[in-house]
Amino acid sequence: MASDLASFKPHIAQLTVQVCYAIMNIITRVALDKGMNHFTFVAYRQAVASVVISPFAYFLERNERPAMTCAIFWEIFLLAFLGITLNQNFYFAGLGDTSSTFASATTNLIPVVTFVMATTFRLENVNIRSIYGQAKVVGTLVCVGGAMVMTLYKGPVLLKAVSGLGLDTWMVGALLLFVSCFVWSGWLTFQAPVVKKYPAQQSFTALMLIQGTLQSFVVALIFQRKASDWKLKWDIQLLSIVYSGVFCSAFAFFVQTYCIRVKGPVFAAVFNPTSTILVAILELLILHVRLHLGSLLGAIMIIAGLYVVLWGKAKDQSNLDTSTEKNGPENESNNNITITTTEEPNIDINQPLLQHEGSAEHLNHSHTQISDE
């Protein structure tokens, strides 16, 4: 009995992370509606995450950290700029102009966009003659179609509510969220070679968070110089900062790392839509935001396309493992030449925010990932 329960630990852990992400989307949206500035929010949030993770990195990897070179330092600096500073500011700005459900749904595009980028830069090969290669292409097109439906078609209101957003505001917010997805996917794609050079997982994450914190404070100071925007009170704004920094950055990082190590990256990615479903329910019950037909159809298309892509990738991985076992170790290198991402990047999972937020929080030696929104 105990062994059976132990086998479900990754499932429970992954569901817990998705619940954390869903709650983050809701409380952050409430804080934004009450006037919280997204620039200062990102800066404070990263500061909290850095304070939480840095001690673990310092003590646990004290004797394992490789030497820091100037080249690696600047590469981590650029990764922090992409994955933290740009990504999170775009994401939370878009969240404020759309809805929590819409923002959460767009994060399901990240694995697909990452797959497209990896294919473009020849980090992954697609055999269009294989049914699994065709599945990845079709799933990508379905996801793109779902994103277009969510953005361009609102449709009738399915569930009425007390408030709504104008079409112009919605379009701007949607654009910001899609830019966030592309930036985050680029971060996932380009960090793989940097992780190989600096394989100390927790130290790498801590360095990126610290640099991202400094960058975020600089950006926030440029755009928000009013003292009132920086003043913290014991209210929903402080709660959203502390909650997202601790649970959606530090906690989610460790849990995601555990799940990827035990079950693999596809397992972790399969749970991503759970957060979208939870956010949709919570938003209707708590925030009373209108649910439009376009948002529902688009979200369904994105989630369906995501699962098709993940299915194709899982089957490709399974076939490669089977081929490696049959051919023996002497042919392993040849198999790896055929599909280069099965061992290194596996970088298609993700939650931005560092939802989701997130992220710089989801790295390990072989599989990299970041929880928000």
Protein backbone atom coordinates (compact mmCIF):
# COMPACT_ATOMS: atom_id res chain seq x y z
CA MET A 1 0.00 0.00 0.00
CA ALA A 2 2.78 2.38 0.91
CA SER A 3 4.60 1.67 -2.34
CA ASP A 4 1.42 2.37 -4.31
CA LEU A 5 1.04 5.75 -2.60
CA ALA A 6 4.70 6.54 -3.20
CA SER A 7 4.21 6.00 -6.93
CA PHE A 8 1.65 8.83 -6.93
CA LYS A 9 3.97 11.36 -5.30
CA PRO A 10 4.95 13.00 -8.63
CA HIS A 11 1.28 13.30 -9.59
CA ILE A 12 0.37 14.94 -6.28
CA ALA A 13 3.41 17.21 -6.44
CA GLN A 14 2.63 18.34 -9.98
CA LEU A 15 -1.02 19.02 -9.15
CA THR A 16 0.11 21.05 -6.13
CA VAL A 17 2.31 23.22 -8.33
CA GLN A 18 -0.55 23.83 -10.77
CA VAL A 19 -2.82 24.86 -7.88
CA CYS A 20 -0.12 27.30 -6.74
CA TYR A 21 0.05 28.77 -10.24
CA ALA A 22 -3.73 29.09 -10.48
CA ILE A 23 -3.98 30.91 -7.15
CA MET A 24 -1.13 33.19 -8.19
CA ASN A 25 -2.95 34.23 -11.36
CA ILE A 26 -6.03 35.15 -9.36
CA ILE A 27 -4.43 37.10 -6.51
CA THR A 28 -2.03 38.88 -8.88
CA ARG A 29 -4.92 39.94 -11.10
CA VAL A 30 -6.75 41.30 -8.05
CA ALA A 31 -3.62 43.19 -6.99
CA LEU A 32 -3.21 44.66 -10.49
CA ASP A 33 -6.86 45.75 -10.49
CA LYS A 34 -6.24 47.52 -7.17
CA GLY A 35 -3.43 49.57 -8.67
CA MET A 36 -0.31 47.48 -8.21
CA ASN A 37 2.32 48.35 -10.80
CA HIS A 38 3.59 45.32 -12.72
CA PHE A 39 7.14 46.72 -12.98
CA THR A 40 7.56 46.96 -9.21
CA PHE A 41 5.76 43.65 -8.72
CA VAL A 42 8.26 41.80 -10.92
CA ALA A 43 11.21 43.45 -9.14
CA TYR A 44 9.96 42.65 -5.65
CA ARG A 45 8.93 39.13 -6.61
CA GLN A 46 12.33 38.24 -7.99
CA ALA A 47 13.97 39.68 -4.89
CA VAL A 48 11.89 37.35 -2.72
CA ALA A 49 12.71 34.34 -4.92
CA SER A 50 16.42 35.19 -4.85
CA VAL A 51 16.45 35.42 -1.06
CA VAL A 52 14.70 32.05 -0.75
CA ILE A 53 16.82 30.11 -3.26
CA SER A 54 20.29 31.63 -2.76
CA PRO A 55 21.04 30.02 0.64
CA PHE A 56 20.26 26.56 -0.76
CA ALA A 57 22.53 27.17 -3.73
CA TYR A 58 25.35 28.48 -1.56
CA PHE A 59 25.43 25.69 1.01
CA LEU A 60 24.33 22.67 -1.04
CA GLU A 61 26.64 23.33 -3.99
CA ARG A 62 29.53 24.94 -2.18
CA ASN A 63 31.97 22.29 -3.39
CA GLU A 64 30.34 21.63 -6.77
CA ARG A 65 30.18 25.03 -8.43
CA PRO A 66 32.45 25.34 -11.49
CA ALA A 67 34.59 28.41 -12.01
CA MET A 68 32.74 31.47 -13.26
CA THR A 69 34.13 32.99 -16.45
CA CYS A 70 33.33 36.34 -18.01
CA ALA A 71 31.64 34.66 -20.98
CA ILE A 72 29.38 32.52 -18.79
CA PHE A 73 28.52 35.52 -16.62
CA TRP A 74 27.27 37.54 -19.59
CA GLU A 75 25.43 34.56 -21.04
CA ILE A 76 23.55 34.13 -17.76
CA PHE A 77 22.95 37.89 -17.73
CA LEU A 78 21.30 37.71 -21.16
CA LEU A 79 19.25 34.68 -20.15
CA ALA A 80 18.02 36.56 -17.07
CA PHE A 81 17.06 39.49 -19.29
CA LEU A 82 15.02 37.20 -21.56
CA GLY A 83 13.48 34.80 -19.08
CA ILE A 84 12.85 37.14 -16.17
CA THR A 85 13.00 40.83 -17.00
CA LEU A 86 11.29 40.81 -20.40
CA ASN A 87 9.12 37.74 -20.00
CA GLN A 88 7.55 38.60 -16.67
CA ASN A 89 6.97 42.27 -17.41
CA PHE A 90 5.21 41.40 -20.66
CA TYR A 91 3.23 38.63 -18.98
CA PHE A 92 1.92 40.65 -16.05
CA ALA A 93 1.20 43.69 -18.22
CA GLY A 94 -0.86 41.40 -20.46
CA LEU A 95 -2.56 39.82 -17.47
CA GLY A 96 -3.75 43.22 -16.31
CA ASP A 97 -5.30 43.96 -19.72
CA THR A 98 -7.00 40.59 -20.31
CA SER A 99 -8.05 37.97 -17.79
CA SER A 100 -6.44 35.33 -15.63
CA THR A 101 -7.95 32.56 -17.75
CA PHE A 102 -6.69 34.06 -20.99
CA ALA A 103 -3.19 34.59 -19.59
CA SER A 104 -3.03 31.08 -18.18
CA ALA A 105 -4.22 29.58 -21.47
CA THR A 106 -1.50 31.33 -23.47
CA THR A 107 1.22 29.67 -21.37
CA ASN A 108 0.21 26.37 -22.97
CA LEU A 109 1.66 27.75 -26.21
CA ILE A 110 5.18 27.75 -24.75
CA PRO A 111 5.99 24.07 -25.44
CA VAL A 112 4.75 24.48 -29.01
CA VAL A 113 6.65 27.72 -29.66
CA THR A 114 9.76 26.16 -28.15
CA PHE A 115 9.36 23.17 -30.45
CA VAL A 116 9.13 25.49 -33.47
CA MET A 117 12.23 27.41 -32.37
CA ALA A 118 14.17 24.21 -31.71
CA THR A 119 13.24 22.92 -35.15
CA THR A 120 14.17 26.22 -36.80
CA PHE A 121 17.62 26.19 -35.21
CA ARG A 122 17.97 22.48 -35.99
CA LEU A 123 18.02 21.48 -32.36
CA GLU A 124 15.24 19.04 -33.21
CA ASN A 125 14.49 17.12 -36.39
CA VAL A 126 10.96 16.50 -37.64
CA ASN A 127 10.32 13.49 -39.87
CA ILE A 128 7.26 14.65 -41.78
CA ARG A 129 6.79 11.15 -43.20
CA SER A 130 6.30 9.75 -39.70
CA ILE A 131 2.88 9.89 -38.08
CA TYR A 132 4.53 11.27 -34.95
CA GLY A 133 6.23 14.04 -36.91
CA GLN A 134 2.92 14.85 -38.57
CA ALA A 135 1.27 14.93 -35.14
CA LYS A 136 3.74 17.55 -33.94
CA VAL A 137 3.11 19.71 -37.00
CA VAL A 138 -0.68 19.38 -36.78
CA GLY A 139 -0.65 20.05 -33.03
CA THR A 140 1.41 23.19 -33.61
CA LEU A 141 -1.05 24.48 -36.21
CA VAL A 142 -4.01 23.75 -33.92
CA CYS A 143 -2.35 25.70 -31.09
CA VAL A 144 -1.66 28.66 -33.35
CA GLY A 145 -5.26 28.55 -34.55
CA GLY A 146 -6.51 28.51 -30.96
CA ALA A 147 -4.37 31.52 -30.09
CA MET A 148 -5.80 33.43 -33.06
CA VAL A 149 -9.36 32.52 -32.07
CA MET A 150 -8.82 33.71 -28.50
CA THR A 151 -7.35 36.99 -29.69
CA LEU A 152 -9.51 37.91 -32.66
CA TYR A 153 -12.88 36.40 -31.75
CA LYS A 154 -14.61 37.11 -28.46
CA GLY A 155 -18.06 35.84 -29.41
CA PRO A 156 -21.16 35.87 -27.23
CA VAL A 157 -20.95 35.86 -23.46
CA LEU A 158 -21.48 32.36 -22.10
CA LEU A 159 -21.50 33.33 -18.44
CA LYS A 160 -22.42 36.89 -17.53
CA ALA A 161 -20.53 38.92 -14.96
CA VAL A 162 -20.35 42.37 -13.46
CA SER A 163 -17.43 43.67 -15.49
CA GLY A 164 -15.57 43.26 -18.73
CA LEU A 165 -12.76 44.74 -20.80
CA GLY A 166 -12.92 46.69 -24.02
CA LEU A 167 -11.82 45.05 -27.26
CA ASP A 168 -8.88 47.42 -27.75
CA THR A 169 -7.53 46.75 -24.26
CA TRP A 170 -8.03 43.03 -24.76
CA MET A 171 -6.08 43.04 -28.04
CA VAL A 172 -3.14 44.90 -26.50
CA GLY A 173 -3.06 42.53 -23.54
CA ALA A 174 -3.22 39.50 -25.83
CA LEU A 175 -0.30 40.82 -27.87
CA LEU A 176 1.78 41.33 -24.71
CA LEU A 177 1.04 37.79 -23.55
CA PHE A 178 2.04 36.28 -26.89
CA VAL A 179 5.28 38.28 -26.85
CA SER A 180 5.87 36.86 -23.37
CA CYS A 181 5.41 33.32 -24.74
CA PHE A 182 7.93 33.90 -27.52
CA VAL A 183 10.46 35.46 -25.15
CA TRP A 184 10.11 32.63 -22.67
CA SER A 185 10.43 30.03 -25.43
CA GLY A 186 13.60 31.74 -26.61
CA TRP A 187 14.94 31.59 -23.06
CA LEU A 188 14.26 27.86 -22.93
CA THR A 189 15.87 27.28 -26.31
CA PHE A 190 19.07 29.24 -25.79
CA GLN A 191 19.83 28.30 -22.20
CA ALA A 192 20.64 24.64 -22.97
CA PRO A 193 24.28 25.27 -24.03
CA VAL A 194 24.80 27.62 -21.08
CA VAL A 195 23.59 24.99 -18.62
CA LYS A 196 26.13 22.57 -20.09
CA LYS A 197 28.92 25.06 -19.37
CA TYR A 198 27.71 25.76 -15.82
CA PRO A 199 25.98 22.56 -14.65
CA ALA A 200 25.51 23.54 -10.99
CA GLN A 201 21.72 23.59 -11.10
CA GLN A 202 20.80 25.60 -8.03
CA SER A 203 23.71 28.02 -8.33
CA PHE A 204 22.82 28.65 -11.98
CA THR A 205 19.23 29.41 -10.99
CA ALA A 206 20.28 31.65 -8.09
CA LEU A 207 22.66 33.64 -10.28
CA MET A 208 19.99 34.13 -12.91
CA LEU A 209 17.43 35.20 -10.32
CA ILE A 210 19.82 37.68 -8.72
CA GLN A 211 20.74 39.21 -12.07
CA GLY A 212 17.08 39.25 -13.08
CA THR A 213 16.24 41.04 -9.84
CA LEU A 214 18.81 43.77 -10.48
CA GLN A 215 17.63 44.18 -14.07
CA SER A 216 13.99 44.32 -13.00
CA PHE A 217 14.72 47.04 -10.44
CA VAL A 218 16.54 49.10 -13.07
CA VAL A 219 13.65 48.76 -15.53
CA ALA A 220 11.10 49.57 -12.82
CA LEU A 221 13.03 52.66 -11.73
CA ILE A 222 13.11 53.88 -15.33
CA PHE A 223 9.36 53.56 -15.86
CA GLN A 224 8.06 54.09 -12.31
CA ARG A 225 9.67 56.85 -10.27
CA LYS A 226 6.75 57.63 -8.00
CA ALA A 227 7.43 56.69 -4.39
CA SER A 228 3.82 55.49 -4.05
CA ASP A 229 4.43 52.74 -6.60
CA TRP A 230 7.22 51.31 -4.44
CA LYS A 231 5.51 51.57 -1.08
CA LEU A 232 4.44 48.21 0.33
CA LYS A 233 1.51 47.75 2.68
CA TRP A 234 -0.03 44.78 4.44
CA ASP A 235 -2.54 44.15 1.69
CA ILE A 236 -3.18 42.00 -1.39
CA GLN A 237 -0.19 43.51 -3.18
CA LEU A 238 2.30 42.34 -0.56
CA LEU A 239 0.55 38.95 -0.45
CA SER A 240 0.88 38.51 -4.22
CA ILE A 241 4.58 39.41 -4.12
CA VAL A 242 5.49 37.07 -1.27
CA TYR A 243 3.22 34.26 -2.44
CA SER A 244 4.46 34.24 -6.04
CA GLY A 245 8.09 34.57 -5.01
CA VAL A 246 7.98 31.72 -2.47
CA PHE A 247 5.47 29.28 -3.95
CA CYS A 248 5.61 29.96 -7.70
CA SER A 249 9.34 30.49 -7.90
CA ALA A 250 11.26 28.75 -5.11
CA PHE A 251 8.81 25.96 -4.21
CA ALA A 252 7.74 25.27 -7.79
CA PHE A 253 11.38 25.07 -8.88
CA PHE A 254 12.19 22.25 -6.48
CA VAL A 255 8.96 20.36 -7.17
CA GLN A 256 9.28 20.62 -10.94
CA THR A 257 12.88 19.46 -10.75
CA TYR A 258 11.79 16.41 -8.76
CA CYS A 259 8.98 15.55 -11.19
CA ILE A 260 11.20 15.90 -14.25
CA ARG A 261 13.91 13.75 -12.70
CA VAL A 262 11.46 11.00 -11.72
CA LYS A 263 8.96 11.05 -14.60
CA GLY A 264 10.53 13.12 -17.37
CA PRO A 265 9.64 16.44 -19.07
CA VAL A 266 6.59 15.18 -20.96
CA PHE A 267 4.97 14.14 -17.69
CA ALA A 268 5.48 17.63 -16.28
CA ALA A 269 4.11 19.33 -19.40
CA VAL A 270 0.95 17.20 -19.44
CA PHE A 271 -0.21 18.88 -16.21
CA ASN A 272 0.13 22.45 -17.53
CA PRO A 273 -3.51 22.79 -18.71
CA THR A 274 -4.69 21.89 -15.20
CA SER A 275 -3.80 25.40 -14.10
CA THR A 276 -5.84 26.91 -16.93
CA ILE A 277 -8.93 24.92 -15.91
CA LEU A 278 -8.53 25.88 -12.25
CA VAL A 279 -8.00 29.54 -13.12
CA ALA A 280 -11.15 29.59 -15.28
CA ILE A 281 -13.22 28.19 -12.41
CA LEU A 282 -11.72 30.47 -9.75
CA GLU A 283 -12.00 33.55 -11.94
CA LEU A 284 -15.69 32.97 -12.56
CA LEU A 285 -16.42 32.32 -8.89
CA ILE A 286 -14.20 35.00 -7.33
CA LEU A 287 -13.61 37.75 -9.89
CA HIS A 288 -16.90 37.32 -11.81
CA VAL A 289 -15.17 37.89 -15.16
CA ARG A 290 -17.20 37.25 -18.29
CA LEU A 291 -16.52 34.04 -20.16
CA HIS A 292 -16.76 34.47 -23.94
CA LEU A 293 -17.21 31.74 -26.51
CA GLY A 294 -13.98 32.73 -28.29
CA SER A 295 -11.94 32.32 -25.12
CA LEU A 296 -13.43 28.90 -24.44
CA LEU A 297 -12.94 27.60 -27.99
CA GLY A 298 -9.42 29.01 -28.22
CA ALA A 299 -8.38 27.49 -24.89
CA ILE A 300 -9.74 24.08 -25.92
CA MET A 301 -7.83 24.24 -29.22
CA ILE A 302 -4.58 25.24 -27.50
CA ILE A 303 -4.82 22.46 -24.91
CA ALA A 304 -5.77 19.87 -27.54
CA GLY A 305 -2.90 20.94 -29.79
CA LEU A 306 -0.49 20.82 -26.85
CA TYR A 307 -1.38 17.22 -26.08
CA VAL A 308 -0.99 16.23 -29.73
CA VAL A 309 2.51 17.75 -29.82
CA LEU A 310 3.46 16.11 -26.52
CA TRP A 311 2.14 12.76 -27.78
CA GLY A 312 4.27 13.01 -30.90
CA LYS A 313 7.36 13.93 -28.89
CA ALA A 314 6.75 11.12 -26.38
CA LYS A 315 6.45 8.56 -29.17
CA ASP A 316 9.63 9.85 -30.83
CA GLN A 317 11.44 9.56 -27.50
CA SER A 318 10.10 6.04 -26.98
CA ASN A 319 11.21 4.96 -30.45
CA LEU A 320 14.67 6.43 -29.90
CA ASP A 321 15.04 4.61 -26.57
CA THR A 322 13.92 1.34 -28.15
CA SER A 323 16.33 1.80 -31.06
CA THR A 324 19.18 2.54 -28.64
CA GLU A 325 18.47 -0.62 -26.67
CA LYS A 326 18.39 -2.76 -29.81
CA ASN A 327 21.48 -1.29 -31.40
CA GLY A 328 23.56 -1.26 -28.25
CA PRO A 329 25.84 1.40 -26.77
CA GLU A 330 28.14 1.43 -29.76
CA ASN A 331 25.44 3.01 -31.93
CA GLU A 332 24.06 5.37 -29.34
CA SER A 333 25.97 8.37 -30.66
CA ASN A 334 24.57 7.81 -34.14
CA ASN A 335 21.04 7.75 -32.78
CA ASN A 336 21.64 10.98 -30.94
CA ILE A 337 22.72 12.64 -34.17
CA THR A 338 19.33 11.91 -35.66
CA ILE A 339 17.37 13.72 -32.94
CA THR A 340 19.52 16.05 -30.93
CA THR A 341 17.02 17.33 -28.40
CA THR A 342 16.07 14.05 -26.78
CA GLU A 343 18.99 14.29 -24.38
CA GLU A 344 19.84 17.95 -24.10
CA PRO A 345 17.18 20.61 -24.57
CA ASN A 346 13.87 18.88 -23.69
CA ILE A 347 13.02 22.46 -23.17
CA ASP A 348 9.44 22.47 -24.17
CA ILE A 349 7.76 22.43 -20.81
CA ASN A 350 7.00 25.22 -19.26
CA GLN A 351 5.16 27.74 -17.36
CA PRO A 352 6.43 31.22 -17.78
CA LEU A 353 5.93 32.78 -14.88
CA LEU A 354 7.92 31.94 -13.35
CA GLN A 355 4.09 30.89 -13.46
CA HIS A 356 4.15 29.42 -14.69
CA GLU A 357 5.88 32.42 -13.08
CA GLY A 358 7.91 30.70 -14.14
CA SER A 359 11.07 29.25 -15.23
CA ALA A 360 14.43 30.27 -14.07
CA GLU A 361 12.98 28.15 -11.36
CA HIS A 362 12.71 24.97 -13.32
CA LEU A 363 16.19 23.89 -14.23
CA ASN A 364 18.05 20.68 -13.82
CA HIS A 365 21.04 19.11 -15.46
CA SER A 366 19.20 17.45 -18.32
CA HIS A 367 15.85 19.14 -18.43
CA THR A 368 15.29 22.81 -18.09
CA GLN A 369 12.17 24.70 -17.28
CA ILE A 370 10.38 28.56 -14.87
CA SER A 371 6.58 29.48 -12.01
CA ASP A 372 3.34 32.72 -12.71
CA GLU A 373 2.02 34.49 -13.55
